Structures are given as C-alpha cells and as structure tokens.
C-alpha cells in the first residue's frame, strides 16, 4: 500500500459504522490512517435501537455527503450498512469488518446461531429501557468483567477495561429484526474475517462473505479488530476506495 496521501479532491468519503457494544471511538486508529491518506472520514453514531431505524439514520448521513463514499460496518453495523446503502447511488463499495452480511429476511441473531462457536450470549446482561410509545424494551450489555476476553482479547487490558465502561448497549429487537434490503447484491463488497472472534463464529463470517462474493481477507484477531489492528482494517478500506 502506498504511503503517499490520496488527492483529497478525488478521495471518496469513508463512513464508519460501529456495531453493538462499541461506539464511534472504536474507529479512532482506523480514522487516523484514512485521514492521513487524504480521505474525509465520518464515524457515524449508530443508534443501536432497531435495524430499520438504524439503517434510516445511516442513510440520512449518506444523504449529507457530496460525492462518492465507501461505507464500512463492524459487527451488527454490517447489517445496518447492508440495508442503508440499498438505495444510495453514491455508495461505491461496502466494507464488512468482522461483520454481518445478511440477505433479505435474515437477522443478526439468526446468522450468529447458524454455526457453532459464539460465546457472546452467556456474557451479556439484559436491562430495560423506555420506548417512545410508553412501553419497555430490552437492551443488552456485555458484563464488564468478561468484556476483555469476550470482545477484545487481543487489545491491551487497560484499553479493554475502558471499552467495557463506555460500551453502548444494543436493543434486543435490533438483533432480531430481519434485513429488508441487500446492498451487497449490487455494490462491490470487501470483508475482513476475524479467525479468533468469539462474537460471530468464523464459519458464519466466511459463509456470509463468500455468499456475497466479497473480496475476503482473513486475520488472526478478536472481534475488536478495528482497535487491535487498525492498520489491517484501514488497508482493506483503502483498497476498496481505490477500486
């Protein structure tokens, strides 16, 4: 990969979408490298409340961008970008980072359970939160004392502890909602598969990426690969941006 910065006038905007149990700061190391190559970067704040509403929010971010963009999703963020980009002509590539690539009618939980290996369920704790209609929803956290080994085993312990404290919970409904559109059927896809992932089984990641015809890179990393190996993540994004 060339270290010479890209011409900013020609560089597509990179939109980074985090997944469950994370926030936009999980992209800091990636964003730093992309910006050094001349790319405008937006790390969108994924609401994590419901797949349809989260995708609509990310779609509104795309509408605010002039010119082409590359849309990147981590984990559940992969489901979000799959739906959000379906009707957006300015999205030139999709990059999935340890992420879900659902087809229409598939949910994140359904895809997780398709293959054995995830240990996420027993490490989460549920909590109630109020819904706009006056009802009550359920959201999930990873227990702080289990966050390091479950989510970010290859991240320094002190960093993982802060990630556990600042994690954003995901609504259970978001993980259960099926995708209503499939952008990867018409937009070139790239996938980073994490072989030491305890959230999304590696077989599930391979199955989804191969089904989508994605350009696949495999790396020995935890689910938190954007934090542990930002150079690997940014290299794949830059490759997608150049094609």
Protein backbone atom coordinates (compact mmCIF):
# COMPACT_ATOMS: atom_id res chain seq x y z
CA UNK A 1 0.00 0.00 0.00
CA UNK A 2 1.38 3.39 -0.98
CA UNK A 3 2.12 5.81 1.83
CA UNK A 4 1.59 8.81 -0.43
CA UNK A 5 -1.63 10.67 0.50
CA UNK A 6 -4.53 10.41 -1.92
CA UNK A 7 -5.65 13.53 -3.77
CA UNK A 8 -8.36 14.91 -1.43
CA UNK A 9 -10.40 16.25 -4.35
CA UNK A 10 -10.77 12.72 -5.75
CA UNK A 11 -10.93 10.77 -2.50
CA UNK A 12 -14.28 9.26 -1.55
CA UNK A 13 -15.63 9.92 1.93
CA UNK A 14 -15.30 6.96 4.26
CA UNK A 15 -18.32 6.40 6.53
CA UNK A 16 -17.57 4.14 9.50
CA UNK A 17 -20.47 2.46 11.33
CA UNK A 18 -19.76 0.77 14.65
CA UNK A 19 -21.68 -2.22 15.95
CA UNK A 20 -23.14 -3.37 19.24
CA UNK A 21 -21.21 -2.95 22.50
CA UNK A 22 -18.97 -0.28 20.91
CA UNK A 23 -19.05 3.40 19.99
CA UNK A 24 -17.54 5.63 17.32
CA UNK A 25 -14.24 5.90 19.19
CA UNK A 26 -13.57 2.26 18.28
CA UNK A 27 -12.65 3.60 14.83
CA UNK A 28 -10.07 6.15 16.06
CA UNK A 29 -6.98 4.26 14.89
CA UNK A 30 -8.59 3.48 11.54
CA UNK A 31 -9.82 7.03 11.01
CA UNK A 32 -6.35 8.43 11.72
CA UNK A 33 -4.83 6.30 8.97
CA UNK A 34 -7.58 7.03 6.45
CA UNK A 35 -7.30 10.77 7.04
CA UNK A 36 -3.54 10.57 6.56
CA UNK A 37 -4.26 9.18 3.08
CA UNK A 38 -6.44 12.19 2.24
CA UNK A 39 -9.89 10.70 2.80
CA UNK A 40 -12.68 12.62 4.51
CA UNK A 41 -13.98 10.39 7.32
CA UNK A 42 -17.26 10.30 9.24
CA UNK A 43 -17.67 7.87 12.14
CA UNK A 44 -21.45 7.70 12.42
CA UNK A 45 -23.10 7.21 15.80
CA UNK A 46 -25.14 4.04 15.25
CA UNK A 47 -28.26 4.30 17.48
CA UNK A 48 -28.42 0.50 18.09
CA UNK A 49 -32.18 0.65 18.63
CA UNK A 50 -33.59 -1.24 15.64
CA UNK A 51 -32.28 -2.36 12.26
CA UNK A 52 -34.78 -0.37 10.19
CA UNK A 53 -34.39 2.84 12.21
CA UNK A 54 -30.60 2.48 12.48
CA UNK A 55 -30.35 1.98 8.72
CA UNK A 56 -32.57 5.00 8.10
CA UNK A 57 -30.28 7.12 10.29
CA UNK A 58 -27.13 5.97 8.45
CA UNK A 59 -28.90 6.59 5.13
CA UNK A 60 -29.50 10.17 6.25
CA UNK A 61 -25.76 10.52 6.91
CA UNK A 62 -25.10 9.32 3.37
CA UNK A 63 -27.55 11.90 2.04
CA UNK A 64 -25.49 14.65 3.67
CA UNK A 65 -22.34 13.71 1.73
CA UNK A 66 -21.41 15.23 -1.61
CA UNK A 67 -19.67 12.84 -3.93
CA UNK A 68 -18.89 9.13 -3.64
CA UNK A 69 -18.41 7.28 -0.39
CA UNK A 70 -17.29 3.93 0.95
CA UNK A 71 -19.49 2.51 3.69
CA UNK A 72 -17.85 0.41 6.41
CA UNK A 73 -19.65 -1.63 9.05
CA UNK A 74 -18.34 -3.52 12.07
CA UNK A 75 -20.30 -6.40 13.59
CA UNK A 76 -24.02 -5.51 13.72
CA UNK A 77 -23.03 -2.39 11.78
CA UNK A 78 -22.69 -4.73 8.80
CA UNK A 79 -26.42 -5.39 8.92
CA UNK A 80 -27.04 -1.65 9.12
CA UNK A 81 -24.92 -0.76 6.06
CA UNK A 82 -26.46 -3.63 4.07
CA UNK A 83 -29.89 -2.02 4.42
CA UNK A 84 -28.81 1.64 4.46
CA UNK A 85 -26.90 1.53 1.17
CA UNK A 86 -29.51 -0.36 -0.83
CA UNK A 87 -30.99 2.77 -2.45
CA UNK A 88 -27.93 5.05 -2.33
CA UNK A 89 -26.14 5.59 -5.65
CA UNK A 90 -23.20 7.41 -4.01
CA UNK A 91 -22.02 4.27 -2.17
CA UNK A 92 -19.23 2.80 -4.31
CA UNK A 93 -18.10 -0.02 -2.02
CA UNK A 94 -19.12 -1.82 1.16
CA UNK A 95 -16.53 -2.99 3.67
CA UNK A 96 -17.52 -5.52 6.32
CA UNK A 97 -15.22 -5.75 9.36
CA UNK A 98 -15.92 -8.84 11.49
CA UNK A 99 -19.48 -8.16 10.41
CA UNK A 100 -22.84 -9.50 9.39
CA UNK A 101 -23.72 -9.61 5.69
CA UNK A 102 -27.39 -10.54 5.89
CA UNK A 103 -29.60 -11.45 3.00
CA UNK A 104 -33.20 -10.24 2.95
CA UNK A 105 -35.17 -11.84 5.76
CA UNK A 106 -32.12 -12.69 7.90
CA UNK A 107 -31.35 -11.22 11.33
CA UNK A 108 -28.05 -10.92 13.16
CA UNK A 109 -29.08 -13.44 15.81
CA UNK A 110 -30.21 -15.91 13.16
CA UNK A 111 -26.85 -15.69 11.40
CA UNK A 112 -24.91 -15.99 14.67
CA UNK A 113 -26.76 -19.19 15.52
CA UNK A 114 -26.28 -20.68 12.04
CA UNK A 115 -22.86 -22.01 13.06
CA UNK A 116 -21.42 -23.02 16.46
CA UNK A 117 -18.73 -21.05 18.26
CA UNK A 118 -20.18 -17.82 19.63
CA UNK A 119 -19.83 -17.41 23.40
CA UNK A 120 -21.50 -14.00 23.46
CA UNK A 121 -24.85 -14.99 24.94
CA UNK A 122 -23.71 -16.07 28.42
CA UNK A 123 -21.54 -12.95 28.81
CA UNK A 124 -24.38 -10.47 28.26
CA UNK A 125 -26.78 -8.97 30.78
CA UNK A 126 -30.20 -7.57 29.89
CA UNK A 127 -31.58 -4.23 31.01
CA UNK A 128 -34.90 -2.48 30.47
CA UNK A 129 -35.25 0.88 28.76
CA UNK A 130 -38.29 3.06 27.95
CA UNK A 131 -39.79 3.09 24.47
CA UNK A 132 -41.27 6.23 22.84
CA UNK A 133 -44.76 4.69 22.96
CA UNK A 134 -44.57 4.28 26.72
CA UNK A 135 -43.67 0.61 26.63
CA UNK A 136 -40.47 -1.08 27.71
CA UNK A 137 -37.72 -2.61 25.60
CA UNK A 138 -34.77 -4.87 26.40
CA UNK A 139 -31.17 -3.94 25.67
CA UNK A 140 -28.01 -5.97 26.14
CA UNK A 141 -24.60 -5.19 27.63
CA UNK A 142 -21.51 -7.38 27.87
CA UNK A 143 -20.63 -7.79 31.55
CA UNK A 144 -17.66 -5.57 32.24
CA UNK A 145 -15.61 -8.30 33.91
CA UNK A 146 -16.00 -10.51 30.81
CA UNK A 147 -15.65 -7.84 28.14
CA UNK A 148 -11.90 -8.21 27.60
CA UNK A 149 -11.87 -11.93 26.87
CA UNK A 150 -15.19 -11.96 25.01
CA UNK A 151 -14.93 -8.90 22.80
CA UNK A 152 -11.34 -7.69 22.72
CA UNK A 153 -8.92 -10.42 23.79
CA UNK A 154 -6.05 -9.00 21.69
CA UNK A 155 -6.47 -5.43 22.99
CA UNK A 156 -4.38 -4.27 25.99
CA UNK A 157 -6.26 -4.92 29.23
CA UNK A 158 -6.36 -1.25 30.25
CA UNK A 159 -7.85 -0.27 26.90
CA UNK A 160 -10.39 -3.10 27.02
CA UNK A 161 -11.46 -2.01 30.50
CA UNK A 162 -12.29 1.46 29.21
CA UNK A 163 -14.08 -0.03 26.22
CA UNK A 164 -16.20 -2.06 28.63
CA UNK A 165 -17.11 1.06 30.60
CA UNK A 166 -18.02 3.10 27.51
CA UNK A 167 -19.78 0.31 25.57
CA UNK A 168 -23.16 1.17 24.08
CA UNK A 169 -25.91 -1.38 24.61
CA UNK A 170 -27.86 -2.80 21.70
CA UNK A 171 -31.62 -3.28 21.72
CA UNK A 172 -32.55 -6.94 21.51
CA UNK A 173 -35.05 -6.02 18.78
CA UNK A 174 -32.19 -4.72 16.60
CA UNK A 175 -30.50 -8.11 16.65
CA UNK A 176 -33.79 -9.89 15.94
CA UNK A 177 -35.06 -7.70 13.09
CA UNK A 178 -34.60 -9.20 9.61
CA UNK A 179 -32.91 -7.22 6.84
CA UNK A 180 -35.34 -5.69 4.36
CA UNK A 181 -32.78 -4.94 1.63
CA UNK A 182 -29.42 -6.28 0.47
CA UNK A 183 -26.97 -3.69 -0.86
CA UNK A 184 -24.17 -6.20 -1.45
CA UNK A 185 -26.13 -7.65 -4.35
CA UNK A 186 -25.32 -4.57 -6.43
CA UNK A 187 -22.39 -2.84 -4.63
CA UNK A 188 -18.86 -4.36 -4.52
CA UNK A 189 -18.19 -5.89 -1.11
CA UNK A 190 -14.99 -6.41 0.88
CA UNK A 191 -14.81 -8.47 4.06
CA UNK A 192 -12.31 -8.77 6.88
CA UNK A 193 -12.82 -12.14 8.60
CA UNK A 194 -11.50 -12.45 12.17
CA UNK A 195 -10.50 -16.01 12.96
CA UNK A 196 -10.30 -15.58 16.77
CA UNK A 197 -13.73 -13.97 17.02
CA UNK A 198 -15.90 -15.03 19.97
CA UNK A 199 -18.93 -12.97 18.95
CA UNK A 200 -19.53 -14.00 15.33
CA UNK A 201 -18.25 -17.51 14.55
CA UNK A 202 -15.57 -17.55 11.88
CA UNK A 203 -17.59 -20.08 9.85
CA UNK A 204 -20.51 -17.66 9.83
CA UNK A 205 -18.27 -14.82 8.67
CA UNK A 206 -16.84 -16.94 5.86
CA UNK A 207 -20.27 -18.17 4.79
CA UNK A 208 -21.69 -14.65 4.56
CA UNK A 209 -18.65 -13.14 2.83
CA UNK A 210 -18.40 -15.93 0.26
CA UNK A 211 -22.13 -15.80 -0.45
CA UNK A 212 -21.84 -12.06 -1.13
CA UNK A 213 -18.92 -12.58 -3.49
CA UNK A 214 -16.81 -10.33 -1.29
CA UNK A 215 -13.08 -9.70 -1.64
CA UNK A 216 -12.03 -11.51 1.56
CA UNK A 217 -9.06 -11.01 3.87
CA UNK A 218 -8.63 -13.23 6.94
CA UNK A 219 -6.70 -12.15 10.01
CA UNK A 220 -5.96 -13.69 13.39
CA UNK A 221 -7.78 -11.18 15.58
CA UNK A 222 -10.58 -10.73 18.08
CA UNK A 223 -13.92 -9.14 17.34
CA UNK A 224 -12.41 -5.74 18.23
CA UNK A 225 -10.06 -5.80 15.24
CA UNK A 226 -10.55 -2.09 14.47
CA UNK A 227 -8.89 -1.38 17.83
CA UNK A 228 -6.28 -4.14 17.88
CA UNK A 229 -5.21 -4.00 14.21
CA UNK A 230 -6.29 -0.64 12.77
CA UNK A 231 -3.64 -0.82 10.06
CA UNK A 232 -5.12 -4.05 8.67
CA UNK A 233 -8.64 -2.60 8.70
CA UNK A 234 -7.57 0.67 7.08
CA UNK A 235 -5.57 -1.16 4.37
CA UNK A 236 -8.68 -3.07 3.31
CA UNK A 237 -10.79 0.10 3.32
CA UNK A 238 -8.21 1.91 1.21
CA UNK A 239 -8.19 -0.98 -1.24
CA UNK A 240 -11.95 -0.74 -1.54
CA UNK A 241 -11.74 3.02 -2.01
CA UNK A 242 -9.22 2.68 -4.84
CA UNK A 243 -11.30 0.26 -6.92
